[in-house]
Amino acid sequence: MKKKMFVMVCVLSCLVLASAFSSGAKEPTVAGTVGGTVNVYSIMPEKYATKVFEAFTADTGIKVNFVRLSSGEALARLIAEKGNPQVDCLWGGPSDTYEAGVLEGVFATYVPAEADKVPAKYRSAQGYWTGIGIIPLCFLTNDDFLAKNGLKAPTSWYDLLDPAYRNGLQMADARTSGTATERIYTLVKIMGEDEAFAYQKKLNSNVQLYTKSGAGGAMPIATGQAASGVFYIVDALDIQQQGYPLTVSYPVEGVTYGVEAAGIINGAKNLEAAKTLMDWAASKRLGEVMVADSINYIPTRPDVKVTNPALDMTQVNLIEAEAEWKGEKRAEYVNRWVAEVIQQ
């Protein structure tokens, strides 16, 4: 292997080893729990999920036990647990993760009470998942690096091929991260399949590290250990708003966006509580909580007013990519990325 990469736990290990829970997260207690508890795998980062679930509990009295996982880990675990699901819902993560799970029989159908208030393109037509937030891809670049190299923030995908970025990029690993698969979908939509993978081979020469999670490279870029990378806007803004010298920019060729979703697991043991969570997820209330707590997802409910100007996408070239297409192509593109980009 020519590239220094993040050493990650393989999917097989994820399926057979004991669960490693996020710091501060609570292990689901499935047996015997009824009514007032809902157990969740959360792809949404813990710092956001904690705030959201606290608001849900305050509104409904239903306690949420959750474990935070990356999208690839969550999907693998849900597939492995199909015969005896350990959670009732999946929360957060891009909709292609859900569509891939639908193909595996992971999700139950449920149409939340206010689902019709969420635009059709942000929810499953069959009721398998409902969108809770929109998160476009963007570039995140260290300002000190730009100044030192006499560069402007990248505004094209081809800018990242500049030799100045050699061994300076950090971005997510497609085997574990929905941010990374979103990156592949964008490039395929812009360039076509063969050219997209040829581009990624060239880009690989400038990559210092592929991280397990989508946000994993943000702090190294913030502290100058890396120069730039590709992230969902929610993660880029989170680190920028902590005061680090960073610029968020967008490629003129465009970006696709993730539809952060939520759905009920087939065979959920706390079904009524899970339905209540989904009803709440489709309500205006969730969007208001995210805006109030500076959780930088663009709410899927158009009746929620976004106050952060950084979430104004009117000047960004947003490319449509259907969730069903993403779900169908996910495994194929990840395997091709590994074979043609990582193992070259």
Protein backbone atom coordinates (compact mmCIF):
# COMPACT_ATOMS: atom_id res chain seq x y z
CA MET A 1 0.00 0.00 0.00
CA LYS A 2 1.60 3.25 -1.15
CA LYS A 3 -0.33 5.66 1.02
CA LYS A 4 -0.09 6.19 4.74
CA MET A 5 -3.66 5.66 5.86
CA PHE A 6 -5.79 5.69 8.92
CA VAL A 7 -5.62 2.22 10.51
CA MET A 8 -9.21 1.26 11.04
CA VAL A 9 -11.09 -1.71 12.44
CA CYS A 10 -12.35 -3.83 9.57
CA VAL A 11 -16.03 -4.46 9.07
CA LEU A 12 -15.69 -8.09 10.16
CA SER A 13 -14.28 -7.01 13.50
CA CYS A 14 -17.12 -4.55 13.88
CA LEU A 15 -19.57 -7.39 13.52
CA VAL A 16 -17.97 -9.87 15.87
CA LEU A 17 -16.23 -7.87 18.59
CA ALA A 18 -17.88 -6.25 21.60
CA SER A 19 -19.31 -2.77 21.07
CA ALA A 20 -17.06 0.19 21.80
CA PHE A 21 -19.31 3.02 22.89
CA SER A 22 -18.57 6.69 22.44
CA SER A 23 -17.43 8.58 25.50
CA GLY A 24 -20.48 9.65 27.44
CA ALA A 25 -22.92 7.70 25.27
CA LYS A 26 -25.19 5.17 26.90
CA GLU A 27 -25.29 1.49 25.97
CA PRO A 28 -28.74 0.41 24.75
CA THR A 29 -30.62 -1.74 27.21
CA VAL A 30 -33.00 -3.69 25.04
CA ALA A 31 -34.35 -6.54 27.10
CA GLY A 32 -37.43 -5.55 29.02
CA THR A 33 -37.49 -1.88 28.04
CA VAL A 34 -40.89 -0.60 27.01
CA GLY A 35 -42.77 2.61 26.38
CA GLY A 36 -40.63 5.32 27.89
CA THR A 37 -37.30 4.43 26.26
CA VAL A 38 -36.02 4.40 22.71
CA ASN A 39 -32.64 2.91 21.78
CA VAL A 40 -30.70 4.49 18.93
CA TYR A 41 -27.57 4.23 16.84
CA SER A 42 -26.63 7.82 16.06
CA ILE A 43 -24.50 8.79 13.08
CA MET A 44 -25.08 12.40 14.08
CA PRO A 45 -22.06 13.43 16.19
CA GLU A 46 -22.55 12.93 19.90
CA LYS A 47 -22.27 16.63 20.78
CA TYR A 48 -25.27 17.36 18.53
CA ALA A 49 -27.23 14.20 19.26
CA THR A 50 -27.04 14.87 22.99
CA LYS A 51 -28.66 18.30 22.59
CA VAL A 52 -31.33 17.00 20.22
CA PHE A 53 -32.26 14.02 22.38
CA GLU A 54 -32.38 16.15 25.52
CA ALA A 55 -34.94 18.37 23.79
CA PHE A 56 -36.91 15.32 22.63
CA THR A 57 -36.98 13.91 26.16
CA ALA A 58 -38.05 17.27 27.57
CA ASP A 59 -40.91 17.40 25.04
CA THR A 60 -42.10 13.79 25.30
CA GLY A 61 -40.75 12.25 28.50
CA ILE A 62 -39.17 9.44 26.45
CA LYS A 63 -35.59 8.61 27.40
CA VAL A 64 -33.07 8.07 24.59
CA ASN A 65 -30.17 5.64 24.97
CA PHE A 66 -27.73 6.05 22.09
CA VAL A 67 -24.41 4.87 20.71
CA ARG A 68 -22.53 7.05 18.24
CA LEU A 69 -21.13 5.26 15.15
CA SER A 70 -19.87 6.29 11.72
CA SER A 71 -22.26 5.53 8.87
CA GLY A 72 -20.36 2.48 7.64
CA GLU A 73 -20.15 1.02 11.14
CA ALA A 74 -23.83 1.65 11.82
CA LEU A 75 -24.95 0.01 8.60
CA ALA A 76 -22.71 -3.02 9.12
CA ARG A 77 -23.96 -3.46 12.65
CA LEU A 78 -27.63 -3.13 11.69
CA ILE A 79 -27.21 -5.73 8.97
CA ALA A 80 -25.46 -8.10 11.39
CA GLU A 81 -28.22 -7.64 13.97
CA LYS A 82 -31.19 -8.14 11.63
CA GLY A 83 -32.29 -11.29 13.39
CA ASN A 84 -32.30 -9.58 16.78
CA PRO A 85 -32.14 -5.77 16.46
CA GLN A 86 -30.42 -4.06 19.35
CA VAL A 87 -31.82 -0.60 18.67
CA ASP A 88 -35.12 0.89 17.58
CA CYS A 89 -33.95 3.74 15.33
CA LEU A 90 -31.04 4.99 13.29
CA TRP A 91 -30.53 8.73 13.75
CA GLY A 92 -28.59 10.96 11.38
CA GLY A 93 -26.26 10.04 8.59
CA PRO A 94 -26.80 10.53 4.86
CA SER A 95 -29.85 9.03 3.22
CA ASP A 96 -27.80 6.70 0.99
CA THR A 97 -26.90 4.79 4.16
CA TYR A 98 -30.62 4.23 4.68
CA GLU A 99 -31.23 3.28 1.06
CA ALA A 100 -28.41 0.74 1.29
CA GLY A 101 -30.06 -0.58 4.45
CA VAL A 102 -33.43 -0.81 2.71
CA LEU A 103 -31.85 -3.19 0.21
CA GLU A 104 -30.79 -5.33 3.17
CA GLY A 105 -34.21 -5.29 4.85
CA VAL A 106 -32.97 -3.25 7.81
CA PHE A 107 -35.66 -0.54 7.97
CA ALA A 108 -39.36 -0.59 8.73
CA THR A 109 -41.81 1.72 6.99
CA TYR A 110 -43.40 4.53 8.95
CA VAL A 111 -44.77 7.84 7.72
CA PRO A 112 -44.47 10.47 10.48
CA ALA A 113 -47.45 12.64 11.36
CA GLU A 114 -46.08 15.74 9.60
CA ALA A 115 -44.13 14.03 6.85
CA ASP A 116 -46.05 15.96 4.21
CA LYS A 117 -44.44 19.16 5.52
CA VAL A 118 -41.02 17.79 4.47
CA PRO A 119 -40.37 18.14 0.70
CA ALA A 120 -40.65 14.82 -1.10
CA LYS A 121 -37.00 14.81 -2.21
CA TYR A 122 -35.97 14.84 1.46
CA ARG A 123 -37.82 11.68 2.49
CA SER A 124 -38.30 8.11 1.37
CA ALA A 125 -41.27 7.69 -0.95
CA GLN A 126 -41.95 4.35 0.76
CA GLY A 127 -41.60 5.71 4.30
CA TYR A 128 -38.31 4.03 5.20
CA TRP A 129 -36.63 7.27 6.30
CA THR A 130 -37.36 10.95 6.79
CA GLY A 131 -34.85 13.74 6.22
CA ILE A 132 -33.99 15.95 9.18
CA GLY A 133 -31.24 18.14 7.70
CA ILE A 134 -29.39 19.07 4.52
CA ILE A 135 -25.57 19.12 4.53
CA PRO A 136 -23.68 20.10 1.35
CA LEU A 137 -20.03 19.24 0.84
CA CYS A 138 -17.45 22.02 1.00
CA PHE A 139 -13.70 22.65 1.16
CA LEU A 140 -12.09 23.58 4.48
CA THR A 141 -8.62 25.13 4.25
CA ASN A 142 -6.10 26.51 6.73
CA ASP A 143 -5.58 30.25 6.20
CA ASP A 144 -1.94 30.16 7.32
CA PHE A 145 -1.20 27.51 4.71
CA LEU A 146 -2.80 29.66 2.03
CA ALA A 147 -0.82 32.74 3.03
CA LYS A 148 2.47 30.83 3.20
CA ASN A 149 1.97 29.40 -0.29
CA GLY A 150 0.48 32.52 -1.88
CA LEU A 151 -2.77 30.72 -2.66
CA LYS A 152 -6.44 31.57 -2.50
CA ALA A 153 -8.93 29.15 -1.01
CA PRO A 154 -9.73 26.39 -3.52
CA THR A 155 -12.73 27.07 -5.78
CA SER A 156 -12.37 24.06 -8.09
CA TRP A 157 -11.95 20.35 -7.52
CA TYR A 158 -8.84 20.62 -9.69
CA ASP A 159 -7.27 23.15 -7.30
CA LEU A 160 -6.73 20.28 -4.86
CA LEU A 161 -4.35 18.67 -7.37
CA ASP A 162 -1.91 21.60 -6.98
CA PRO A 163 1.54 20.30 -5.89
CA ALA A 164 1.35 22.78 -2.98
CA TYR A 165 -1.16 20.41 -1.35
CA ARG A 166 1.10 17.36 -1.64
CA ASN A 167 0.85 15.30 1.55
CA GLY A 168 -1.37 18.04 2.93
CA LEU A 169 -4.95 16.85 2.47
CA GLN A 170 -7.03 14.99 5.02
CA MET A 171 -10.45 13.62 4.18
CA ALA A 172 -12.65 10.69 5.05
CA ASP A 173 -12.28 7.02 4.15
CA ALA A 174 -15.12 5.74 1.97
CA ARG A 175 -15.19 2.40 3.79
CA THR A 176 -16.43 4.01 6.98
CA SER A 177 -17.71 7.50 6.21
CA GLY A 178 -20.79 8.89 4.50
CA THR A 179 -18.88 12.12 3.88
CA ALA A 180 -16.45 10.16 1.74
CA THR A 181 -19.12 8.39 -0.29
CA GLU A 182 -20.76 11.79 -0.84
CA ARG A 183 -17.44 13.00 -2.24
CA ILE A 184 -17.46 10.13 -4.72
CA TYR A 185 -21.08 10.81 -5.77
CA THR A 186 -20.22 14.46 -6.42
CA LEU A 187 -17.23 13.61 -8.57
CA VAL A 188 -19.18 11.01 -10.57
CA LYS A 189 -21.99 13.50 -11.21
CA ILE A 190 -19.51 16.15 -12.35
CA MET A 191 -17.03 14.06 -14.30
CA GLY A 192 -18.61 10.69 -15.09
CA GLU A 193 -17.53 7.45 -13.46
CA ASP A 194 -14.21 6.71 -15.15
CA GLU A 195 -12.92 10.28 -14.98
CA ALA A 196 -14.04 10.59 -11.36
CA PHE A 197 -11.93 7.62 -10.32
CA ALA A 198 -9.01 8.76 -12.48
CA TYR A 199 -9.20 12.12 -10.70
CA GLN A 200 -9.20 10.43 -7.30
CA LYS A 201 -6.04 8.50 -8.22
CA LYS A 202 -4.32 11.83 -8.89
CA LEU A 203 -5.81 13.37 -5.74
CA ASN A 204 -4.48 10.46 -3.69
CA SER A 205 -0.95 11.74 -4.27
CA ASN A 206 -1.79 14.81 -2.19
CA VAL A 207 -3.61 12.95 0.60
CA GLN A 208 -1.79 12.72 3.90
CA LEU A 209 -4.46 10.67 5.68
CA TYR A 210 -7.92 9.18 5.17
CA THR A 211 -9.86 9.44 8.40
CA LYS A 212 -12.44 7.07 9.83
CA SER A 213 -15.10 9.72 10.33
CA GLY A 214 -16.15 12.60 8.12
CA ALA A 215 -15.08 15.23 10.62
CA GLY A 216 -11.81 13.51 11.53
CA GLY A 217 -9.55 15.73 9.44
CA ALA A 218 -11.05 19.05 10.54
CA MET A 219 -8.97 19.58 13.68
CA PRO A 220 -5.64 18.70 12.01
CA ILE A 221 -6.44 21.29 9.33
CA ALA A 222 -7.42 23.81 12.00
CA THR A 223 -4.11 23.36 13.85
CA GLY A 224 -1.96 23.37 10.71
CA GLN A 225 -1.05 19.68 10.69
CA ALA A 226 -2.84 19.45 7.34
CA ALA A 227 -3.71 22.02 4.69
CA SER A 228 -7.20 21.31 3.39
CA GLY A 229 -9.90 18.72 2.91
CA VAL A 230 -13.46 17.94 1.87
CA PHE A 231 -16.18 17.95 4.53
CA TYR A 232 -19.87 18.29 5.11
CA ILE A 233 -20.68 21.91 5.92
CA VAL A 234 -21.87 21.02 9.43
CA ASP A 235 -18.40 19.77 10.40
CA ALA A 236 -16.53 22.57 8.63
CA LEU A 237 -18.58 25.28 10.34
CA ASP A 238 -18.29 23.60 13.73
CA ILE A 239 -14.50 23.81 13.70
CA GLN A 240 -14.37 27.25 12.04
CA GLN A 241 -16.70 28.71 14.66
CA GLN A 242 -14.28 27.64 17.38
CA GLY A 243 -12.03 30.47 16.20
CA TYR A 244 -9.42 28.67 14.12
CA PRO A 245 -7.99 30.41 10.99
CA LEU A 246 -10.01 28.56 8.38
CA THR A 247 -11.82 29.31 5.14
CA VAL A 248 -14.87 27.44 3.87
CA SER A 249 -15.18 27.46 0.08
CA TYR A 250 -17.04 25.64 -2.68
CA PRO A 251 -15.99 24.30 -6.09
CA VAL A 252 -17.49 26.01 -9.14
CA GLU A 253 -18.15 22.57 -10.65
CA GLY A 254 -20.56 21.95 -7.79
CA VAL A 255 -21.20 19.65 -4.86
CA THR A 256 -23.89 17.17 -3.98
CA TYR A 257 -25.39 17.25 -0.52
CA GLY A 258 -26.30 14.74 2.09
CA VAL A 259 -29.83 14.49 3.40
CA GLU A 260 -29.34 13.71 7.07
CA ALA A 261 -32.10 11.21 7.90
CA ALA A 262 -33.75 9.12 10.59
CA GLY A 263 -35.65 5.84 10.42
CA ILE A 264 -37.13 2.96 12.40
CA ILE A 265 -35.39 -0.41 12.49
CA ASN A 266 -37.32 -3.46 11.30
CA GLY A 267 -38.28 -5.40 14.42
CA ALA A 268 -37.85 -2.45 16.79
CA LYS A 269 -38.64 -3.57 20.35
CA ASN A 270 -39.85 -0.13 21.47
CA LEU A 271 -41.95 0.61 18.42
CA GLU A 272 -44.34 3.20 19.85
CA ALA A 273 -41.48 5.23 21.33
CA ALA A 274 -39.67 4.95 18.00
CA LYS A 275 -42.73 6.29 16.17
CA THR A 276 -42.89 9.20 18.59
CA LEU A 277 -39.25 10.01 17.86
CA MET A 278 -39.96 9.95 14.13
CA ASP A 279 -43.02 12.17 14.53
CA TRP A 280 -40.86 14.65 16.46
CA ALA A 281 -38.10 14.40 13.83
CA ALA A 282 -40.53 15.46 11.09
CA SER A 283 -41.90 18.33 13.14
CA LYS A 284 -40.93 21.99 13.04
CA ARG A 285 -39.67 21.63 16.59
CA LEU A 286 -36.55 19.67 15.60
CA GLY A 287 -35.50 22.35 13.12
CA GLU A 288 -36.01 25.02 15.74
CA VAL A 289 -33.84 23.10 18.21
CA MET A 290 -31.04 22.77 15.65
CA VAL A 291 -31.13 26.48 14.82
CA ALA A 292 -31.25 27.53 18.49
CA ASP A 293 -28.34 25.25 19.44
CA SER A 294 -26.18 26.19 16.40
CA ILE A 295 -26.33 22.67 14.97
CA ASN A 296 -25.44 23.60 11.41
CA TYR A 297 -27.74 21.40 9.40
CA ILE A 298 -30.10 23.17 7.03
CA PRO A 299 -33.52 21.98 8.28
CA THR A 300 -35.61 20.00 5.80
CA ARG A 301 -38.69 21.82 7.02
CA PRO A 302 -38.98 24.94 4.83
CA ASP A 303 -41.00 26.69 7.54
CA VAL A 304 -37.95 26.79 9.86
CA LYS A 305 -36.01 30.04 9.47
CA VAL A 306 -32.25 29.60 9.25
CA THR A 307 -30.37 32.47 10.91
CA ASN A 308 -26.73 31.54 10.09
CA PRO A 309 -25.66 33.28 6.84
CA ALA A 310 -23.05 30.55 6.31
CA LEU A 311 -25.95 28.18 5.59
CA ASP A 312 -27.22 30.35 2.73
CA MET A 313 -26.69 28.12 -0.31
CA THR A 314 -28.07 30.51 -2.96
CA GLN A 315 -24.58 31.10 -4.40
CA VAL A 316 -23.47 27.46 -4.22
CA ASN A 317 -23.77 25.10 -7.19
CA LEU A 318 -25.76 22.30 -5.57
CA ILE A 319 -26.03 19.14 -7.67
CA GLU A 320 -28.97 16.80 -7.26
CA ALA A 321 -28.24 13.12 -6.70
CA GLU A 322 -31.15 10.87 -5.77
CA ALA A 323 -30.84 8.93 -2.54
CA GLU A 324 -31.97 5.73 -4.28
CA TRP A 325 -29.15 6.04 -6.82
CA LYS A 326 -26.64 6.66 -4.05
CA GLY A 327 -27.86 3.63 -2.12
CA GLU A 328 -27.65 1.40 -5.17
CA LYS A 329 -24.14 2.60 -6.09
CA ARG A 330 -22.66 2.84 -2.61
CA ALA A 331 -21.03 -0.59 -2.34
CA GLU A 332 -19.88 -0.57 -5.97
CA TYR A 333 -18.21 2.81 -5.66
CA VAL A 334 -16.59 2.03 -2.31
CA ASN A 335 -15.13 -1.19 -3.70
CA ARG A 336 -13.88 0.61 -6.81
CA TRP A 337 -12.34 3.37 -4.68
CA VAL A 338 -10.44 0.80 -2.64
CA ALA A 339 -9.28 -1.13 -5.71
CA GLU A 340 -8.33 1.79 -7.95
CA VAL A 341 -7.35 4.56 -5.56
CA ILE A 342 -6.12 3.03 -2.30
CA GLN A 343 -4.59 -0.20 -3.57
CA GLN A 344 -2.98 1.21 -6.69
